[in-house]
Amino acid sequence: NKSKKYFCVSTDKAANPVNMMGASK
C-alpha cells in the first residue's frame, strides 16, 4: 500500500536474549 514508514516495538530483552520472548523480538 506504499506506506512511508513502518514502526514496531522490540524490547530491551532482545539485546543478548535469555528468554523466548526476548528472542522472538
PDB file of all heavy atoms in Angstrom:
ATOM      1  N   ASN A   1       0.803  -1.220   0.000  1.00  0.00           N
ATOM      2  CA  ASN A   1       0.000   0.000   0.000  1.00  0.00           C
ATOM      3  C   ASN A   1       0.839   1.275   0.000  1.00  0.00           C
ATOM      4  O   ASN A   1       0.303   2.377   0.168  1.00  0.00           O
ATOM      5  CB  ASN A   1      -0.942  -0.007   1.204  1.00  0.00           C
ATOM      6  CG  ASN A   1      -2.098  -0.970   1.013  1.00  0.00           C
ATOM      7  OD1 ASN A   1      -2.836  -0.876   0.051  1.00  0.00           O
ATOM      8  ND2 ASN A   1      -2.240  -1.922   1.938  1.00  0.00           N
ATOM      9  N   LYS A   2       2.169   1.096  -0.180  1.00  0.00           N
ATOM     10  CA  LYS A   2       3.088   2.224  -0.346  1.00  0.00           C
ATOM     11  C   LYS A   2       3.093   3.199   0.839  1.00  0.00           C
ATOM     12  O   LYS A   2       3.109   4.427   0.661  1.00  0.00           O
ATOM     13  CB  LYS A   2       2.782   2.972  -1.652  1.00  0.00           C
ATOM     14  CG  LYS A   2       2.988   2.114  -2.899  1.00  0.00           C
ATOM     15  CD  LYS A   2       2.696   2.879  -4.181  1.00  0.00           C
ATOM     16  CE  LYS A   2       3.124   2.106  -5.416  1.00  0.00           C
ATOM     17  NZ  LYS A   2       2.573   0.744  -5.514  1.00  0.00           N
ATOM     18  N   SER A   3       3.070   2.650   2.035  1.00  0.00           N
ATOM     19  CA  SER A   3       3.223   3.489   3.226  1.00  0.00           C
ATOM     20  C   SER A   3       4.633   4.077   3.260  1.00  0.00           C
ATOM     21  O   SER A   3       5.587   3.484   2.758  1.00  0.00           O
ATOM     22  CB  SER A   3       2.979   2.664   4.493  1.00  0.00           C
ATOM     23  OG  SER A   3       1.636   2.227   4.562  1.00  0.00           O
ATOM     24  N   LYS A   4       4.753   5.250   3.893  1.00  0.00           N
ATOM     25  CA  LYS A   4       6.061   5.903   4.004  1.00  0.00           C
ATOM     26  C   LYS A   4       6.963   5.198   5.007  1.00  0.00           C
ATOM     27  O   LYS A   4       8.177   5.121   4.823  1.00  0.00           O
ATOM     28  CB  LYS A   4       5.886   7.352   4.484  1.00  0.00           C
ATOM     29  CG  LYS A   4       5.279   8.318   3.500  1.00  0.00           C
ATOM     30  CD  LYS A   4       5.214   9.700   4.152  1.00  0.00           C
ATOM     31  CE  LYS A   4       4.527  10.708   3.246  1.00  0.00           C
ATOM     32  NZ  LYS A   4       4.406  12.033   3.920  1.00  0.00           N
ATOM     33  N   LYS A   5       6.344   4.709   6.085  1.00  0.00           N
ATOM     34  CA  LYS A   5       7.158   4.245   7.202  1.00  0.00           C
ATOM     35  C   LYS A   5       6.410   3.174   7.990  1.00  0.00           C
ATOM     36  O   LYS A   5       5.194   3.247   8.170  1.00  0.00           O
ATOM     37  CB  LYS A   5       7.454   5.436   8.130  1.00  0.00           C
ATOM     38  CG  LYS A   5       8.349   5.157   9.328  1.00  0.00           C
ATOM     39  CD  LYS A   5       9.792   4.999   8.896  1.00  0.00           C
ATOM     40  CE  LYS A   5      10.745   4.958  10.067  1.00  0.00           C
ATOM     41  NZ  LYS A   5      10.886   6.242  10.743  1.00  0.00           N
ATOM     42  N   TYR A   6       7.156   2.189   8.461  1.00  0.00           N
ATOM     43  CA  TYR A   6       6.620   1.149   9.339  1.00  0.00           C
ATOM     44  C   TYR A   6       7.430   1.162  10.626  1.00  0.00           C
ATOM     45  O   TYR A   6       8.661   1.070  10.609  1.00  0.00           O
ATOM     46  CB  TYR A   6       6.716  -0.220   8.675  1.00  0.00           C
ATOM     47  CG  TYR A   6       6.079  -1.357   9.467  1.00  0.00           C
ATOM     48  CD1 TYR A   6       4.785  -1.770   9.198  1.00  0.00           C
ATOM     49  CD2 TYR A   6       6.785  -2.017  10.474  1.00  0.00           C
ATOM     50  CE1 TYR A   6       4.196  -2.812   9.910  1.00  0.00           C
ATOM     51  CE2 TYR A   6       6.212  -3.047  11.194  1.00  0.00           C
ATOM     52  CZ  TYR A   6       4.921  -3.446  10.903  1.00  0.00           C
ATOM     53  OH  TYR A   6       4.341  -4.469  11.615  1.00  0.00           O
ATOM     54  N   PHE A   7       6.741   1.267  11.743  1.00  0.00           N
ATOM     55  CA  PHE A   7       7.384   1.256  13.053  1.00  0.00           C
ATOM     56  C   PHE A   7       6.864   0.074  13.865  1.00  0.00           C
ATOM     57  O   PHE A   7       5.664  -0.230  13.820  1.00  0.00           O
ATOM     58  CB  PHE A   7       7.081   2.549  13.827  1.00  0.00           C
ATOM     59  CG  PHE A   7       7.425   2.456  15.284  1.00  0.00           C
ATOM     60  CD1 PHE A   7       8.715   2.716  15.717  1.00  0.00           C
ATOM     61  CD2 PHE A   7       6.466   2.079  16.226  1.00  0.00           C
ATOM     62  CE1 PHE A   7       9.045   2.591  17.068  1.00  0.00           C
ATOM     63  CE2 PHE A   7       6.791   1.954  17.570  1.00  0.00           C
ATOM     64  CZ  PHE A   7       8.084   2.214  17.990  1.00  0.00           C
ATOM     65  N   CYS A   8       7.733  -0.578  14.615  1.00  0.00           N
ATOM     66  CA  CYS A   8       7.269  -1.614  15.542  1.00  0.00           C
ATOM     67  C   CYS A   8       8.119  -1.622  16.801  1.00  0.00           C
ATOM     68  O   CYS A   8       9.245  -1.116  16.827  1.00  0.00           O
ATOM     69  CB  CYS A   8       7.250  -2.995  14.889  1.00  0.00           C
ATOM     70  SG  CYS A   8       8.838  -3.556  14.262  1.00  0.00           S
ATOM     71  N   VAL A   9       7.552  -2.184  17.849  1.00  0.00           N
ATOM     72  CA  VAL A   9       8.201  -2.212  19.157  1.00  0.00           C
ATOM     73  C   VAL A   9       8.977  -3.511  19.330  1.00  0.00           C
ATOM     74  O   VAL A   9       8.437  -4.598  19.135  1.00  0.00           O
ATOM     75  CB  VAL A   9       7.161  -2.069  20.285  1.00  0.00           C
ATOM     76  CG1 VAL A   9       7.802  -2.336  21.643  1.00  0.00           C
ATOM     77  CG2 VAL A   9       6.569  -0.673  20.279  1.00  0.00           C
ATOM     78  N   SER A  10      10.230  -3.363  19.696  1.00  0.00           N
ATOM     79  CA  SER A  10      11.023  -4.504  20.118  1.00  0.00           C
ATOM     80  C   SER A  10      11.062  -4.476  21.647  1.00  0.00           C
ATOM     81  O   SER A  10      10.100  -4.077  22.284  1.00  0.00           O
ATOM     82  CB  SER A  10      12.426  -4.440  19.501  1.00  0.00           C
ATOM     83  OG  SER A  10      13.162  -5.602  19.844  1.00  0.00           O
ATOM     84  N   THR A  11      12.157  -4.884  22.248  1.00  0.00           N
ATOM     85  CA  THR A  11      12.266  -4.910  23.705  1.00  0.00           C
ATOM     86  C   THR A  11      13.730  -4.877  24.101  1.00  0.00           C
ATOM     87  O   THR A  11      14.603  -5.320  23.332  1.00  0.00           O
ATOM     88  CB  THR A  11      11.608  -6.186  24.285  1.00  0.00           C
ATOM     89  OG1 THR A  11      11.878  -6.263  25.695  1.00  0.00           O
ATOM     90  CG2 THR A  11      12.144  -7.444  23.622  1.00  0.00           C
ATOM     91  N   ASP A  12      14.014  -4.360  25.294  1.00  0.00           N
ATOM     92  CA  ASP A  12      15.372  -4.444  25.821  1.00  0.00           C
ATOM     93  C   ASP A  12      15.817  -5.905  25.926  1.00  0.00           C
ATOM     94  O   ASP A  12      17.007  -6.210  25.852  1.00  0.00           O
ATOM     95  CB  ASP A  12      15.451  -3.763  27.194  1.00  0.00           C
ATOM     96  CG  ASP A  12      14.464  -4.343  28.196  1.00  0.00           C
ATOM     97  OD1 ASP A  12      13.259  -4.274  27.938  1.00  0.00           O
ATOM     98  OD2 ASP A  12      14.907  -4.873  29.234  1.00  0.00           O
ATOM     99  N   LYS A  13      14.858  -6.804  26.073  1.00  0.00           N
ATOM    100  CA  LYS A  13      15.175  -8.228  26.232  1.00  0.00           C
ATOM    101  C   LYS A  13      15.665  -8.861  24.931  1.00  0.00           C
ATOM    102  O   LYS A  13      16.084 -10.024  24.925  1.00  0.00           O
ATOM    103  CB  LYS A  13      13.955  -8.971  26.773  1.00  0.00           C
ATOM    104  CG  LYS A  13      13.550  -8.512  28.175  1.00  0.00           C
ATOM    105  CD  LYS A  13      12.252  -9.146  28.635  1.00  0.00           C
ATOM    106  CE  LYS A  13      11.856  -8.663  30.029  1.00  0.00           C
ATOM    107  NZ  LYS A  13      11.522  -7.223  30.071  1.00  0.00           N
ATOM    108  N   ALA A  14      15.623  -8.099  23.804  1.00  0.00           N
ATOM    109  CA  ALA A  14      16.154  -8.596  22.536  1.00  0.00           C
ATOM    110  C   ALA A  14      17.670  -8.439  22.459  1.00  0.00           C
ATOM    111  O   ALA A  14      18.313  -9.041  21.595  1.00  0.00           O
ATOM    112  CB  ALA A  14      15.495  -7.858  21.367  1.00  0.00           C
ATOM    113  N   ALA A  15      18.235  -7.612  23.342  1.00  0.00           N
ATOM    114  CA  ALA A  15      19.689  -7.446  23.394  1.00  0.00           C
ATOM    115  C   ALA A  15      20.261  -8.590  24.228  1.00  0.00           C
ATOM    116  O   ALA A  15      19.999  -8.687  25.423  1.00  0.00           O
ATOM    117  CB  ALA A  15      20.040  -6.092  24.014  1.00  0.00           C
ATOM    118  N   ASN A  16      21.025  -9.479  23.576  1.00  0.00           N
ATOM    119  CA  ASN A  16      21.556 -10.668  24.254  1.00  0.00           C
ATOM    120  C   ASN A  16      20.446 -11.419  24.988  1.00  0.00           C
ATOM    121  O   ASN A  16      20.468 -11.558  26.223  1.00  0.00           O
ATOM    122  CB  ASN A  16      22.671 -10.283  25.240  1.00  0.00           C
ATOM    123  CG  ASN A  16      23.867  -9.662  24.556  1.00  0.00           C
ATOM    124  OD1 ASN A  16      24.331 -10.165  23.532  1.00  0.00           O
ATOM    125  ND2 ASN A  16      24.364  -8.551  25.091  1.00  0.00           N
ATOM    126  N   PRO A  17      19.456 -11.930  24.264  1.00  0.00           N
ATOM    127  CA  PRO A  17      18.269 -12.511  24.911  1.00  0.00           C
ATOM    128  C   PRO A  17      18.577 -13.765  25.726  1.00  0.00           C
ATOM    129  O   PRO A  17      19.456 -14.556  25.370  1.00  0.00           O
ATOM    130  CB  PRO A  17      17.356 -12.854  23.729  1.00  0.00           C
ATOM    131  CG  PRO A  17      18.281 -13.018  22.566  1.00  0.00           C
ATOM    132  CD  PRO A  17      19.385 -12.031  22.802  1.00  0.00           C
ATOM    133  N   VAL A  18      17.820 -13.914  26.837  1.00  0.00           N
ATOM    134  CA  VAL A  18      17.935 -15.127  27.659  1.00  0.00           C
ATOM    135  C   VAL A  18      16.579 -15.818  27.801  1.00  0.00           C
ATOM    136  O   VAL A  18      16.485 -16.862  28.433  1.00  0.00           O
ATOM    137  CB  VAL A  18      18.509 -14.823  29.062  1.00  0.00           C
ATOM    138  CG1 VAL A  18      19.887 -14.192  28.961  1.00  0.00           C
ATOM    139  CG2 VAL A  18      17.564 -13.940  29.867  1.00  0.00           C
ATOM    140  N   ASN A  19      15.522 -15.225  27.238  1.00  0.00           N
ATOM    141  CA  ASN A  19      14.201 -15.846  27.295  1.00  0.00           C
ATOM    142  C   ASN A  19      13.569 -15.847  25.913  1.00  0.00           C
ATOM    143  O   ASN A  19      14.022 -15.156  24.990  1.00  0.00           O
ATOM    144  CB  ASN A  19      13.299 -15.142  28.317  1.00  0.00           C
ATOM    145  CG  ASN A  19      13.202 -13.640  28.087  1.00  0.00           C
ATOM    146  OD1 ASN A  19      12.778 -13.196  27.025  1.00  0.00           O
ATOM    147  ND2 ASN A  19      13.611 -12.860  29.075  1.00  0.00           N
ATOM    148  N   MET A  20      12.517 -16.641  25.767  1.00  0.00           N
ATOM    149  CA  MET A  20      11.905 -16.832  24.454  1.00  0.00           C
ATOM    150  C   MET A  20      11.209 -15.566  23.960  1.00  0.00           C
ATOM    151  O   MET A  20      11.165 -15.298  22.765  1.00  0.00           O
ATOM    152  CB  MET A  20      10.922 -18.000  24.502  1.00  0.00           C
ATOM    153  CG  MET A  20      11.553 -19.328  24.883  1.00  0.00           C
ATOM    154  SD  MET A  20      12.768 -19.909  23.689  1.00  0.00           S
ATOM    155  CE  MET A  20      11.699 -20.637  22.446  1.00  0.00           C
ATOM    156  N   MET A  21      10.655 -14.774  24.885  1.00  0.00           N
ATOM    157  CA  MET A  21      10.020 -13.529  24.468  1.00  0.00           C
ATOM    158  C   MET A  21      11.057 -12.595  23.854  1.00  0.00           C
ATOM    159  O   MET A  21      10.865 -12.056  22.755  1.00  0.00           O
ATOM    160  CB  MET A  21       9.325 -12.853  25.661  1.00  0.00           C
ATOM    161  CG  MET A  21       8.396 -11.700  25.251  1.00  0.00           C
ATOM    162  SD  MET A  21       9.221 -10.165  24.811  1.00  0.00           S
ATOM    163  CE  MET A  21       9.647  -9.564  26.445  1.00  0.00           C
ATOM    164  N   GLY A  22      12.175 -12.387  24.557  1.00  0.00           N
ATOM    165  CA  GLY A  22      13.227 -11.528  24.030  1.00  0.00           C
ATOM    166  C   GLY A  22      13.780 -12.053  22.714  1.00  0.00           C
ATOM    167  O   GLY A  22      14.036 -11.286  21.777  1.00  0.00           O
ATOM    168  N   ALA A  23      13.945 -13.372  22.629  1.00  0.00           N
ATOM    169  CA  ALA A  23      14.463 -13.976  21.401  1.00  0.00           C
ATOM    170  C   ALA A  23      13.475 -13.818  20.245  1.00  0.00           C
ATOM    171  O   ALA A  23      13.872 -13.589  19.098  1.00  0.00           O
ATOM    172  CB  ALA A  23      14.777 -15.452  21.632  1.00  0.00           C
ATOM    173  N   SER A  24      12.166 -13.920  20.540  1.00  0.00           N
ATOM    174  CA  SER A  24      11.165 -13.743  19.476  1.00  0.00           C
ATOM    175  C   SER A  24      11.231 -12.328  18.914  1.00  0.00           C
ATOM    176  O   SER A  24      11.066 -12.117  17.704  1.00  0.00           O
ATOM    177  CB  SER A  24       9.754 -14.041  20.005  1.00  0.00           C
ATOM    178  OG  SER A  24       9.257 -13.000  20.832  1.00  0.00           O
ATOM    179  N   LYS A  25      11.498 -11.350  19.773  1.00  0.00           N
ATOM    180  CA  LYS A  25      11.626  -9.969  19.314  1.00  0.00           C
ATOM    181  C   LYS A  25      12.943  -9.759  18.551  1.00  0.00           C
ATOM    182  O   LYS A  25      13.005  -8.960  17.617  1.00  0.00           O
ATOM    183  CB  LYS A  25      11.530  -9.011  20.501  1.00  0.00           C
ATOM    184  CG  LYS A  25      10.121  -8.855  21.054  1.00  0.00           C
ATOM    185  CD  LYS A  25       9.222  -8.113  20.080  1.00  0.00           C
ATOM    186  CE  LYS A  25       7.919  -7.678  20.711  1.00  0.00           C
ATOM    187  NZ  LYS A  25       7.097  -6.861  19.790  1.00  0.00           N
TER     188      LYS A  25
END
